[in-house]
Amino acid sequence: MSEEGDTFWASLAEKFFGLIVIVIGGIMLYLTATSTASSQLGAFSVFFGALSVIMLAIGLFLLLVRPTE
């Protein structure tokens, strides 16, 4: 396989993985925010909120970064 084809597939996989991480982080943030009102998470609500924001940031980074040519 050529080097150009390898870069294309690696970039595509990176964008797809970033999109999956964004979706999981968004769902996690939504569930953390909505379950805080009924105190289901208790003291862990801040931990899971921060973890989901970190996942969203990693997903955005993977989606926006460009591979080296």
C-alpha atoms as a PDB file:
ATOM      1  CA  MET A   1       0.000   0.000   0.000  1.00  0.00           C
ATOM      2  CA  SER A   2       1.225   3.461  -0.711  1.00  0.00           C
ATOM      3  CA  GLU A   3       2.140   5.993   1.930  1.00  0.00           C
ATOM      4  CA  GLU A   4      -0.670   8.318   0.786  1.00  0.00           C
ATOM      5  CA  GLY A   5      -3.266   5.580   1.289  1.00  0.00           C
ATOM      6  CA  ASP A   6      -1.951   4.853   4.770  1.00  0.00           C
ATOM      7  CA  THR A   7      -2.290   8.516   5.742  1.00  0.00           C
ATOM      8  CA  PHE A   8      -5.860   8.629   4.448  1.00  0.00           C
ATOM      9  CA  TRP A   9      -7.009   5.591   6.406  1.00  0.00           C
ATOM     10  CA  ALA A  10      -5.205   6.660   9.570  1.00  0.00           C
ATOM     11  CA  SER A  11      -6.792  10.105   9.328  1.00  0.00           C
ATOM     12  CA  LEU A  12     -10.232   8.613   8.699  1.00  0.00           C
ATOM     13  CA  ALA A  13      -9.902   6.254  11.671  1.00  0.00           C
ATOM     14  CA  GLU A  14      -8.751   9.129  13.875  1.00  0.00           C
ATOM     15  CA  LYS A  15     -11.748  11.282  12.887  1.00  0.00           C
ATOM     16  CA  PHE A  16     -14.162   8.386  13.422  1.00  0.00           C
ATOM     17  CA  PHE A  17     -12.690   7.560  16.837  1.00  0.00           C
ATOM     18  CA  GLY A  18     -12.857  11.257  17.787  1.00  0.00           C
ATOM     19  CA  LEU A  19     -16.527  11.366  16.823  1.00  0.00           C
ATOM     20  CA  ILE A  20     -17.259   8.265  18.896  1.00  0.00           C
ATOM     21  CA  VAL A  21     -15.457   9.761  21.926  1.00  0.00           C
ATOM     22  CA  ILE A  22     -17.435  13.017  21.532  1.00  0.00           C
ATOM     23  CA  VAL A  23     -20.746  11.139  21.446  1.00  0.00           C
ATOM     24  CA  ILE A  24     -19.849   9.043  24.500  1.00  0.00           C
ATOM     25  CA  GLY A  25     -18.617  12.126  26.383  1.00  0.00           C
ATOM     26  CA  GLY A  26     -21.777  14.058  25.515  1.00  0.00           C
ATOM     27  CA  ILE A  27     -24.061  11.243  26.648  1.00  0.00           C
ATOM     28  CA  MET A  28     -22.019  10.875  29.815  1.00  0.00           C
ATOM     29  CA  LEU A  29     -22.218  14.615  30.526  1.00  0.00           C
ATOM     30  CA  TYR A  30     -25.973  14.636  29.927  1.00  0.00           C
ATOM     31  CA  LEU A  31     -26.581  11.680  32.217  1.00  0.00           C
ATOM     32  CA  THR A  32     -24.334  13.169  34.896  1.00  0.00           C
ATOM     33  CA  ALA A  33     -26.116  16.531  34.748  1.00  0.00           C
ATOM     34  CA  THR A  34     -29.614  15.043  34.843  1.00  0.00           C
ATOM     35  CA  SER A  35     -28.936  12.509  37.603  1.00  0.00           C
ATOM     36  CA  THR A  36     -27.429  15.163  39.903  1.00  0.00           C
ATOM     37  CA  ALA A  37     -30.879  16.524  40.743  1.00  0.00           C
ATOM     38  CA  SER A  38     -31.997  13.228  42.239  1.00  0.00           C
ATOM     39  CA  SER A  39     -28.624  12.644  43.979  1.00  0.00           C
ATOM     40  CA  GLN A  40     -28.046   9.254  42.398  1.00  0.00           C
ATOM     41  CA  LEU A  41     -24.323   9.857  41.965  1.00  0.00           C
ATOM     42  CA  GLY A  42     -23.740  11.611  45.261  1.00  0.00           C
ATOM     43  CA  ALA A  43     -20.157  12.765  45.695  1.00  0.00           C
ATOM     44  CA  PHE A  44     -19.095  11.301  42.348  1.00  0.00           C
ATOM     45  CA  SER A  45     -21.066  13.797  40.261  1.00  0.00           C
ATOM     46  CA  VAL A  46     -18.103  16.202  40.071  1.00  0.00           C
ATOM     47  CA  PHE A  47     -15.757  13.364  39.126  1.00  0.00           C
ATOM     48  CA  PHE A  48     -17.982  12.091  36.312  1.00  0.00           C
ATOM     49  CA  GLY A  49     -18.708  15.631  35.136  1.00  0.00           C
ATOM     50  CA  ALA A  50     -15.001  16.396  34.857  1.00  0.00           C
ATOM     51  CA  LEU A  51     -14.325  13.036  33.207  1.00  0.00           C
ATOM     52  CA  SER A  52     -16.973  13.670  30.550  1.00  0.00           C
ATOM     53  CA  VAL A  53     -15.626  17.169  29.835  1.00  0.00           C
ATOM     54  CA  ILE A  54     -12.149  15.663  29.424  1.00  0.00           C
ATOM     55  CA  MET A  55     -13.571  13.080  27.002  1.00  0.00           C
ATOM     56  CA  LEU A  56     -15.257  15.840  25.007  1.00  0.00           C
ATOM     57  CA  ALA A  57     -11.979  17.760  24.820  1.00  0.00           C
ATOM     58  CA  ILE A  58     -10.059  14.673  23.665  1.00  0.00           C
ATOM     59  CA  GLY A  59     -12.703  13.963  21.034  1.00  0.00           C
ATOM     60  CA  LEU A  60     -12.579  17.524  19.737  1.00  0.00           C
ATOM     61  CA  PHE A  61      -8.798  17.356  19.624  1.00  0.00           C
ATOM     62  CA  LEU A  62      -8.909  14.124  17.620  1.00  0.00           C
ATOM     63  CA  LEU A  63     -11.488  15.599  15.272  1.00  0.00           C
ATOM     64  CA  LEU A  64      -9.618  18.848  14.618  1.00  0.00           C
ATOM     65  CA  VAL A  65      -5.975  17.749  14.499  1.00  0.00           C
ATOM     66  CA  ARG A  66      -4.365  17.118  11.120  1.00  0.00           C
ATOM     67  CA  PRO A  67      -1.791  14.353  10.618  1.00  0.00           C
ATOM     68  CA  THR A  68       1.681  15.239   9.427  1.00  0.00           C
ATOM     69  CA  GLU A  69       2.224  14.883   5.714  1.00  0.00           C
END
